[in-house]
Amino acid sequence: MLINLQLPVEDVNFILETLSEEPYRDVNDIIAKIQYQGRPQVEAAELAAAQEEPVEEVQTEE
C-alpha cells in the first residue's frame, strides 16, 4: 500500500533533517526514497517559477 502526502518543502526538509540524526543504516533507504520522489517536483516548480519571471525590456536610444 502506498500513501501520498502533500507537504510544504519546509516540512519535508525538517523530516529529512530529523531523520539524518538517526543511524545511517536505519534511515538511508527512506531518505533516498524521499529525495528520489521529491527532487523532480522541486526541479519542476523551480523551472516553472523561472519561466514566470518578467523579462526586462532593453530600451534603445533613437
PDB file of N, CA and C in Angstrom:
ATOM      1  N   MET A   1       0.836  -1.176   0.000  1.00  0.00           N
ATOM      2  CA  MET A   1       0.000   0.000   0.000  1.00  0.00           C
ATOM      3  C   MET A   1       0.883   1.242   0.000  1.00  0.00           C
ATOM      4  N   LEU A   2       0.527   2.217  -0.814  1.00  0.00           N
ATOM      5  CA  LEU A   2       1.248   3.481  -0.875  1.00  0.00           C
ATOM      6  C   LEU A   2       0.390   4.591  -0.285  1.00  0.00           C
ATOM      7  N   ILE A   3       1.053   5.542   0.345  1.00  0.00           N
ATOM      8  CA  ILE A   3       0.371   6.717   0.885  1.00  0.00           C
ATOM      9  C   ILE A   3       0.973   7.938   0.209  1.00  0.00           C
ATOM     10  N   ASN A   4       0.120   8.790  -0.357  1.00  0.00           N
ATOM     11  CA  ASN A   4       0.569  10.034  -0.976  1.00  0.00           C
ATOM     12  C   ASN A   4       0.362  11.172   0.009  1.00  0.00           C
ATOM     13  N   LEU A   5       1.410  11.908   0.277  1.00  0.00           N
ATOM     14  CA  LEU A   5       1.353  13.048   1.171  1.00  0.00           C
ATOM     15  C   LEU A   5       1.667  14.311   0.397  1.00  0.00           C
ATOM     16  N   GLN A   6       1.051  15.404   0.782  1.00  0.00           N
ATOM     17  CA  GLN A   6       1.389  16.703   0.217  1.00  0.00           C
ATOM     18  C   GLN A   6       1.829  17.579   1.377  1.00  0.00           C
ATOM     19  N   LEU A   7       3.104  17.918   1.367  1.00  0.00           N
ATOM     20  CA  LEU A   7       3.682  18.702   2.444  1.00  0.00           C
ATOM     21  C   LEU A   7       4.465  19.870   1.867  1.00  0.00           C
ATOM     22  N   PRO A   8       4.534  20.973   2.589  1.00  0.00           N
ATOM     23  CA  PRO A   8       5.399  22.067   2.144  1.00  0.00           C
ATOM     24  C   PRO A   8       6.862  21.616   2.161  1.00  0.00           C
ATOM     25  N   VAL A   9       7.661  22.203   1.286  1.00  0.00           N
ATOM     26  CA  VAL A   9       9.084  21.855   1.202  1.00  0.00           C
ATOM     27  C   VAL A   9       9.748  21.983   2.571  1.00  0.00           C
ATOM     28  N   GLU A  10       9.351  22.991   3.322  1.00  0.00           N
ATOM     29  CA  GLU A  10       9.954  23.208   4.641  1.00  0.00           C
ATOM     30  C   GLU A  10       9.720  22.010   5.563  1.00  0.00           C
ATOM     31  N   ASP A  11       8.520  21.428   5.503  1.00  0.00           N
ATOM     32  CA  ASP A  11       8.220  20.259   6.331  1.00  0.00           C
ATOM     33  C   ASP A  11       9.028  19.044   5.895  1.00  0.00           C
ATOM     34  N   VAL A  12       9.148  18.851   4.593  1.00  0.00           N
ATOM     35  CA  VAL A  12       9.933  17.722   4.090  1.00  0.00           C
ATOM     36  C   VAL A  12      11.395  17.885   4.501  1.00  0.00           C
ATOM     37  N   ASN A  13      11.916  19.102   4.389  1.00  0.00           N
ATOM     38  CA  ASN A  13      13.292  19.339   4.809  1.00  0.00           C
ATOM     39  C   ASN A  13      13.467  19.080   6.298  1.00  0.00           C
ATOM     40  N   PHE A  14      12.472  19.435   7.110  1.00  0.00           N
ATOM     41  CA  PHE A  14      12.529  19.168   8.544  1.00  0.00           C
ATOM     42  C   PHE A  14      12.552  17.659   8.808  1.00  0.00           C
ATOM     43  N   ILE A  15      11.718  16.926   8.100  1.00  0.00           N
ATOM     44  CA  ILE A  15      11.695  15.466   8.255  1.00  0.00           C
ATOM     45  C   ILE A  15      13.051  14.874   7.889  1.00  0.00           C
ATOM     46  N   LEU A  16      13.615  15.318   6.760  1.00  0.00           N
ATOM     47  CA  LEU A  16      14.919  14.818   6.335  1.00  0.00           C
ATOM     48  C   LEU A  16      16.006  15.163   7.354  1.00  0.00           C
ATOM     49  N   GLU A  17      15.950  16.374   7.883  1.00  0.00           N
ATOM     50  CA  GLU A  17      16.935  16.793   8.878  1.00  0.00           C
ATOM     51  C   GLU A  17      16.817  15.941  10.144  1.00  0.00           C
ATOM     52  N   THR A  18      15.604  15.683  10.560  1.00  0.00           N
ATOM     53  CA  THR A  18      15.377  14.870  11.751  1.00  0.00           C
ATOM     54  C   THR A  18      15.846  13.436  11.527  1.00  0.00           C
ATOM     55  N   LEU A  19      15.536  12.892  10.359  1.00  0.00           N
ATOM     56  CA  LEU A  19      15.989  11.535  10.046  1.00  0.00           C
ATOM     57  C   LEU A  19      17.511  11.439  10.015  1.00  0.00           C
ATOM     58  N   SER A  20      18.154  12.501   9.566  1.00  0.00           N
ATOM     59  CA  SER A  20      19.612  12.463   9.436  1.00  0.00           C
ATOM     60  C   SER A  20      20.317  12.363  10.784  1.00  0.00           C
ATOM     61  N   GLU A  21      19.596  12.598  11.860  1.00  0.00           N
ATOM     62  CA  GLU A  21      20.179  12.480  13.194  1.00  0.00           C
ATOM     63  C   GLU A  21      20.198  11.030  13.688  1.00  0.00           C
ATOM     64  N   GLU A  22      19.508  10.159  12.961  1.00  0.00           N
ATOM     65  CA  GLU A  22      19.453   8.738  13.321  1.00  0.00           C
ATOM     66  C   GLU A  22      20.622   7.992  12.657  1.00  0.00           C
ATOM     67  N   PRO A  23      20.898   6.777  13.122  1.00  0.00           N
ATOM     68  CA  PRO A  23      21.978   6.000  12.489  1.00  0.00           C
ATOM     69  C   PRO A  23      21.737   5.808  10.990  1.00  0.00           C
ATOM     70  N   TYR A  24      22.786   5.984  10.214  1.00  0.00           N
ATOM     71  CA  TYR A  24      22.716   5.926   8.759  1.00  0.00           C
ATOM     72  C   TYR A  24      22.034   4.648   8.276  1.00  0.00           C
ATOM     73  N   ARG A  25      22.432   3.531   8.820  1.00  0.00           N
ATOM     74  CA  ARG A  25      21.893   2.244   8.346  1.00  0.00           C
ATOM     75  C   ARG A  25      20.390   2.147   8.546  1.00  0.00           C
ATOM     76  N   ASP A  26      19.841   2.888   9.512  1.00  0.00           N
ATOM     77  CA  ASP A  26      18.413   2.826   9.797  1.00  0.00           C
ATOM     78  C   ASP A  26      17.581   3.737   8.902  1.00  0.00           C
ATOM     79  N   VAL A  27      18.173   4.806   8.392  1.00  0.00           N
ATOM     80  CA  VAL A  27      17.374   5.810   7.681  1.00  0.00           C
ATOM     81  C   VAL A  27      17.793   6.046   6.237  1.00  0.00           C
ATOM     82  N   ASN A  28      18.883   5.454   5.799  1.00  0.00           N
ATOM     83  CA  ASN A  28      19.383   5.716   4.450  1.00  0.00           C
ATOM     84  C   ASN A  28      18.332   5.436   3.380  1.00  0.00           C
ATOM     85  N   ASP A  29      17.662   4.309   3.458  1.00  0.00           N
ATOM     86  CA  ASP A  29      16.697   3.946   2.414  1.00  0.00           C
ATOM     87  C   ASP A  29      15.522   4.925   2.344  1.00  0.00           C
ATOM     88  N   ILE A  30      14.991   5.316   3.485  1.00  0.00           N
ATOM     89  CA  ILE A  30      13.835   6.213   3.470  1.00  0.00           C
ATOM     90  C   ILE A  30      14.233   7.614   3.010  1.00  0.00           C
ATOM     91  N   ILE A  31      15.417   8.070   3.400  1.00  0.00           N
ATOM     92  CA  ILE A  31      15.890   9.374   2.930  1.00  0.00           C
ATOM     93  C   ILE A  31      16.054   9.349   1.410  1.00  0.00           C
ATOM     94  N   ALA A  32      16.619   8.283   0.888  1.00  0.00           N
ATOM     95  CA  ALA A  32      16.800   8.165  -0.560  1.00  0.00           C
ATOM     96  C   ALA A  32      15.458   8.164  -1.285  1.00  0.00           C
ATOM     97  N   LYS A  33      14.449   7.491  -0.733  1.00  0.00           N
ATOM     98  CA  LYS A  33      13.128   7.457  -1.362  1.00  0.00           C
ATOM     99  C   LYS A  33      12.489   8.843  -1.380  1.00  0.00           C
ATOM    100  N   ILE A  34      12.608   9.568  -0.268  1.00  0.00           N
ATOM    101  CA  ILE A  34      12.039  10.914  -0.202  1.00  0.00           C
ATOM    102  C   ILE A  34      12.728  11.819  -1.220  1.00  0.00           C
ATOM    103  N   GLN A  35      14.053  11.749  -1.281  1.00  0.00           N
ATOM    104  CA  GLN A  35      14.785  12.580  -2.233  1.00  0.00           C
ATOM    105  C   GLN A  35      14.457  12.198  -3.670  1.00  0.00           C
ATOM    106  N   TYR A  36      14.353  10.910  -3.958  1.00  0.00           N
ATOM    107  CA  TYR A  36      14.062  10.432  -5.307  1.00  0.00           C
ATOM    108  C   TYR A  36      12.699  10.939  -5.787  1.00  0.00           C
ATOM    109  N   GLN A  37      11.712  10.927  -4.896  1.00  0.00           N
ATOM    110  CA  GLN A  37      10.376  11.367  -5.275  1.00  0.00           C
ATOM    111  C   GLN A  37      10.237  12.888  -5.250  1.00  0.00           C
ATOM    112  N   GLY A  38      10.964  13.544  -4.367  1.00  0.00           N
ATOM    113  CA  GLY A  38      10.822  14.979  -4.209  1.00  0.00           C
ATOM    114  C   GLY A  38      11.615  15.811  -5.186  1.00  0.00           C
ATOM    115  N   ARG A  39      12.796  15.337  -5.555  1.00  0.00           N
ATOM    116  CA  ARG A  39      13.678  16.132  -6.419  1.00  0.00           C
ATOM    117  C   ARG A  39      13.010  16.556  -7.723  1.00  0.00           C
ATOM    118  N   PRO A  40      12.364  15.652  -8.477  1.00  0.00           N
ATOM    119  CA  PRO A  40      11.737  16.089  -9.730  1.00  0.00           C
ATOM    120  C   PRO A  40      10.636  17.131  -9.516  1.00  0.00           C
ATOM    121  N   GLN A  41       9.928  17.039  -8.400  1.00  0.00           N
ATOM    122  CA  GLN A  41       8.864  18.002  -8.120  1.00  0.00           C
ATOM    123  C   GLN A  41       9.446  19.380  -7.845  1.00  0.00           C
ATOM    124  N   VAL A  42      10.529  19.424  -7.079  1.00  0.00           N
ATOM    125  CA  VAL A  42      11.180  20.702  -6.771  1.00  0.00           C
ATOM    126  C   VAL A  42      11.768  21.308  -8.042  1.00  0.00           C
ATOM    127  N   GLU A  43      12.422  20.488  -8.851  1.00  0.00           N
ATOM    128  CA  GLU A  43      13.013  20.994 -10.089  1.00  0.00           C
ATOM    129  C   GLU A  43      11.944  21.535 -11.029  1.00  0.00           C
ATOM    130  N   ALA A  44      10.811  20.846 -11.128  1.00  0.00           N
ATOM    131  CA  ALA A  44       9.725  21.309 -11.998  1.00  0.00           C
ATOM    132  C   ALA A  44       9.162  22.637 -11.494  1.00  0.00           C
ATOM    133  N   ALA A  45       9.006  22.763 -10.183  1.00  0.00           N
ATOM    134  CA  ALA A  45       8.482  24.006  -9.616  1.00  0.00           C
ATOM    135  C   ALA A  45       9.462  25.154  -9.834  1.00  0.00           C
ATOM    136  N   GLU A  46      10.754  24.895  -9.688  1.00  0.00           N
ATOM    137  CA  GLU A  46      11.759  25.933  -9.911  1.00  0.00           C
ATOM    138  C   GLU A  46      11.781  26.362 -11.371  1.00  0.00           C
ATOM    139  N   LEU A  47      11.655  25.418 -12.286  1.00  0.00           N
ATOM    140  CA  LEU A  47      11.630  25.734 -13.705  1.00  0.00           C
ATOM    141  C   LEU A  47      10.401  26.576 -14.045  1.00  0.00           C
ATOM    142  N   ALA A  48       9.252  26.196 -13.507  1.00  0.00           N
ATOM    143  CA  ALA A  48       8.026  26.954 -13.764  1.00  0.00           C
ATOM    144  C   ALA A  48       8.143  28.370 -13.211  1.00  0.00           C
ATOM    145  N   ALA A  49       8.718  28.512 -12.040  1.00  0.00           N
ATOM    146  CA  ALA A  49       8.884  29.837 -11.442  1.00  0.00           C
ATOM    147  C   ALA A  49       9.833  30.687 -12.275  1.00  0.00           C
ATOM    148  N   ALA A  50      10.890  30.087 -12.794  1.00  0.00           N
ATOM    149  CA  ALA A  50      11.859  30.823 -13.610  1.00  0.00           C
ATOM    150  C   ALA A  50      11.216  31.299 -14.909  1.00  0.00           C
ATOM    151  N   GLN A  51      10.313  30.520 -15.449  1.00  0.00           N
ATOM    152  CA  GLN A  51       9.654  30.897 -16.693  1.00  0.00           C
ATOM    153  C   GLN A  51       8.619  31.995 -16.480  1.00  0.00           C
ATOM    154  N   GLU A  52       8.145  32.148 -15.261  1.00  0.00           N
ATOM    155  CA  GLU A  52       7.153  33.175 -14.960  1.00  0.00           C
ATOM    156  C   GLU A  52       7.773  34.527 -14.649  1.00  0.00           C
ATOM    157  N   GLU A  53       9.091  34.574 -14.434  1.00  0.00           N
ATOM    158  CA  GLU A  53       9.755  35.828 -14.108  1.00  0.00           C
ATOM    159  C   GLU A  53       9.637  36.784 -15.287  1.00  0.00           C
ATOM    160  N   PRO A  54       9.325  38.045 -15.012  1.00  0.00           N
ATOM    161  CA  PRO A  54       9.196  39.013 -16.112  1.00  0.00           C
ATOM    162  C   PRO A  54      10.544  39.255 -16.791  1.00  0.00           C
ATOM    163  N   VAL A  55      10.484  39.431 -18.063  1.00  0.00           N
ATOM    164  CA  VAL A  55      11.683  39.695 -18.848  1.00  0.00           C
ATOM    165  C   VAL A  55      11.833  41.202 -18.975  1.00  0.00           C
ATOM    166  N   GLU A  56      13.014  41.708 -18.643  1.00  0.00           N
ATOM    167  CA  GLU A  56      13.252  43.145 -18.761  1.00  0.00           C
ATOM    168  C   GLU A  56      13.431  43.511 -20.224  1.00  0.00           C
ATOM    169  N   GLU A  57      12.777  44.606 -20.594  1.00  0.00           N
ATOM    170  CA  GLU A  57      12.928  45.084 -21.956  1.00  0.00           C
ATOM    171  C   GLU A  57      14.132  45.983 -22.036  1.00  0.00           C
ATOM    172  N   VAL A  58      14.868  45.856 -23.096  1.00  0.00           N
ATOM    173  CA  VAL A  58      16.024  46.710 -23.322  1.00  0.00           C
ATOM    174  C   VAL A  58      15.575  47.902 -24.144  1.00  0.00           C
ATOM    175  N   GLN A  59      15.809  49.083 -23.620  1.00  0.00           N
ATOM    176  CA  GLN A  59      15.415  50.290 -24.331  1.00  0.00           C
ATOM    177  C   GLN A  59      16.592  50.782 -25.160  1.00  0.00           C
ATOM    178  N   THR A  60      16.272  51.127 -26.375  1.00  0.00           N
ATOM    179  CA  THR A  60      17.315  51.648 -27.264  1.00  0.00           C
ATOM    180  C   THR A  60      17.094  53.141 -27.468  1.00  0.00           C
ATOM    181  N   GLU A  61      18.172  53.855 -27.650  1.00  0.00           N
ATOM    182  CA  GLU A  61      18.073  55.286 -27.912  1.00  0.00           C
ATOM    183  C   GLU A  61      17.829  55.489 -29.403  1.00  0.00           C
ATOM    184  N   GLU A  62      16.956  56.415 -29.687  1.00  0.00           N
ATOM    185  CA  GLU A  62      16.661  56.678 -31.113  1.00  0.00           C
ATOM    186  C   GLU A  62      17.228  57.997 -31.529  1.00  0.00           C
TER     187      GLU A  62
END
